[in-house]
Protein backbone atom coordinates (compact mmCIF):
# COMPACT_ATOMS: atom_id res chain seq x y z
CA LEU A 1 -25.58 -38.20 -24.86
CA GLU A 2 -23.34 -36.26 -22.50
CA LYS A 3 -21.10 -34.96 -25.28
CA TYR A 4 -24.11 -33.33 -26.99
CA TYR A 5 -25.17 -31.64 -23.77
CA GLN A 6 -21.57 -30.47 -23.30
CA ARG A 7 -21.60 -28.91 -26.76
CA ALA A 8 -24.87 -27.10 -25.96
CA VAL A 9 -23.49 -25.87 -22.63
CA ALA A 10 -20.34 -24.59 -24.35
CA LYS A 11 -22.46 -22.69 -26.89
CA GLU A 12 -24.45 -21.12 -24.06
CA PHE A 13 -21.24 -20.12 -22.24
CA ASP A 14 -20.11 -18.45 -25.46
CA ASN A 15 -23.47 -16.68 -25.80
CA GLN A 16 -23.22 -15.45 -22.20
CA LYS A 17 -19.55 -14.47 -22.72
CA LEU A 18 -18.37 -16.64 -19.82
CA SER A 19 -14.81 -17.84 -19.89
CA TYR A 20 -14.40 -21.59 -19.67
CA ARG A 21 -12.07 -24.45 -20.42
CA ARG A 22 -13.38 -27.74 -21.68
CA GLU A 23 -12.09 -31.29 -21.08
CA VAL A 24 -9.43 -30.03 -18.71
CA PRO A 25 -6.81 -32.70 -17.91
CA VAL A 26 -6.03 -33.19 -14.23
CA THR A 27 -3.32 -35.51 -12.98
CA LEU A 28 -4.41 -38.01 -10.34
CA LYS A 29 -1.77 -38.44 -7.63
CA TYR A 30 -1.14 -40.90 -4.85
CA LYS A 31 1.34 -39.71 -2.22
CA ASN A 32 2.35 -36.93 -4.62
CA GLU A 33 3.17 -39.43 -7.38
CA PRO A 34 1.19 -39.25 -10.63
CA ILE A 35 -0.83 -42.41 -11.19
CA GLY A 36 -3.27 -41.35 -13.88
CA LYS A 37 -5.23 -38.59 -15.50
CA TYR A 38 -8.85 -37.61 -15.70
CA PHE A 39 -10.66 -34.89 -17.58
CA LEU A 40 -13.02 -32.31 -16.12
CA ASP A 41 -15.96 -31.45 -18.36
CA PHE A 42 -15.61 -27.70 -17.75
CA ILE A 43 -13.88 -25.17 -15.55
CA VAL A 44 -15.92 -21.96 -15.64
CA GLU A 45 -14.39 -18.56 -14.90
CA ASP A 46 -11.38 -20.39 -13.40
CA GLN A 47 -13.47 -21.01 -10.27
CA ILE A 48 -16.17 -23.62 -10.82
CA ILE A 49 -16.02 -27.20 -12.04
CA LEU A 50 -19.08 -28.12 -14.07
CA GLU A 51 -19.70 -31.82 -14.65
CA THR A 52 -22.47 -32.82 -17.03
CA LYS A 53 -24.40 -36.03 -16.61
CA ALA A 54 -27.15 -37.74 -18.60
CA GLN A 55 -28.27 -40.36 -16.10
CA VAL A 56 -31.67 -41.46 -14.83
CA ALA A 57 -30.49 -40.76 -11.27
CA TYR A 58 -27.47 -39.40 -9.47
CA ASN A 59 -24.96 -42.01 -8.42
CA PRO A 60 -22.95 -41.53 -5.19
CA LYS A 61 -19.77 -42.03 -7.22
CA PHE A 62 -20.52 -38.72 -9.03
CA PHE A 63 -20.23 -36.86 -5.72
CA LYS A 64 -17.04 -38.68 -4.73
CA GLN A 65 -15.59 -37.89 -8.14
CA ALA A 66 -16.51 -34.20 -7.82
CA LEU A 67 -14.93 -34.00 -4.35
CA ALA A 68 -11.76 -35.59 -5.70
CA TYR A 69 -11.69 -33.02 -8.52
CA LEU A 70 -12.14 -30.18 -6.04
CA ARG A 71 -9.36 -31.42 -3.79
CA GLN A 72 -7.00 -31.96 -6.72
CA THR A 73 -7.64 -28.52 -8.26
CA ASN A 74 -8.30 -26.62 -5.00
CA LEU A 75 -11.23 -24.89 -6.65
CA PRO A 76 -14.10 -23.78 -4.39
CA LEU A 77 -17.14 -25.28 -6.09
CA ALA A 78 -18.30 -28.08 -8.36
CA ILE A 79 -21.73 -28.32 -9.93
CA LEU A 80 -23.15 -31.60 -11.19
CA VAL A 81 -25.81 -31.05 -13.83
CA ASN A 82 -28.08 -33.91 -14.85
CA PHE A 83 -29.87 -33.43 -18.16
CA ARG A 84 -31.71 -36.74 -18.19
CA ARG A 85 -34.45 -35.91 -15.72
CA PRO A 86 -37.90 -34.51 -16.48
CA ARG A 87 -36.45 -31.14 -15.40
CA LEU A 88 -32.83 -30.08 -15.35
CA GLU A 89 -31.32 -30.99 -11.97
CA TYR A 90 -28.13 -29.75 -10.41
CA LYS A 91 -26.21 -30.33 -7.20
CA ARG A 92 -23.55 -28.06 -5.72
CA ILE A 93 -20.52 -29.55 -4.01
CA ILE A 94 -18.31 -27.27 -1.93
CA ASN A 95 -14.63 -27.89 -1.45
CA ASN A 96 -14.53 -28.39 2.31
CA SER A 97 -10.73 -28.58 2.34
CA ARG A 98 -10.58 -24.83 1.66
CA SER A 99 -11.26 -22.34 4.39
CA ILE A 100 -14.56 -20.50 4.30
CA ARG A 101 -12.65 -17.23 4.00
CA GLU A 102 -10.77 -18.49 0.92
CA TRP A 103 -14.00 -19.71 -0.63
CA PHE A 104 -15.89 -16.44 -0.14
CA ALA A 105 -12.93 -14.41 -1.40
CA SER A 106 -12.74 -16.41 -4.62
CA ILE A 107 -16.49 -16.26 -5.23
CA ARG A 108 -16.62 -12.54 -4.42
CA GLU A 109 -13.79 -11.93 -6.87
CA LEU A 110 -15.65 -13.87 -9.56
CA TRP A 111 -18.84 -11.81 -9.25
CA THR A 112 -17.30 -8.39 -8.69
CA THR A 113 -15.26 -8.62 -11.89
CA ARG A 114 -18.40 -9.06 -14.03
């Protein structure tokens, strides 16, 4: 199911003229050594990770995964979107390893360039 929601989200990004990258590979490292690779569903406007889910409920591993993605990419924000609820649900996860000043600067830049 998730791949169909991802296709719909991509179409909506196109309609809204938002820049995005889909299925972005990120190298997983341990002590600066590559040990694997995972794929982010979307990076939007080079600032926000968007992960799509089609689950009955959020699982704590989704949040841990999003935090790992944020730390690995040093992006300021991840959004988990769950399409399999009676209403669309989303959760925002902030990269707490970045300074607040860095975070606000990157978000401000995103919205002032629109």
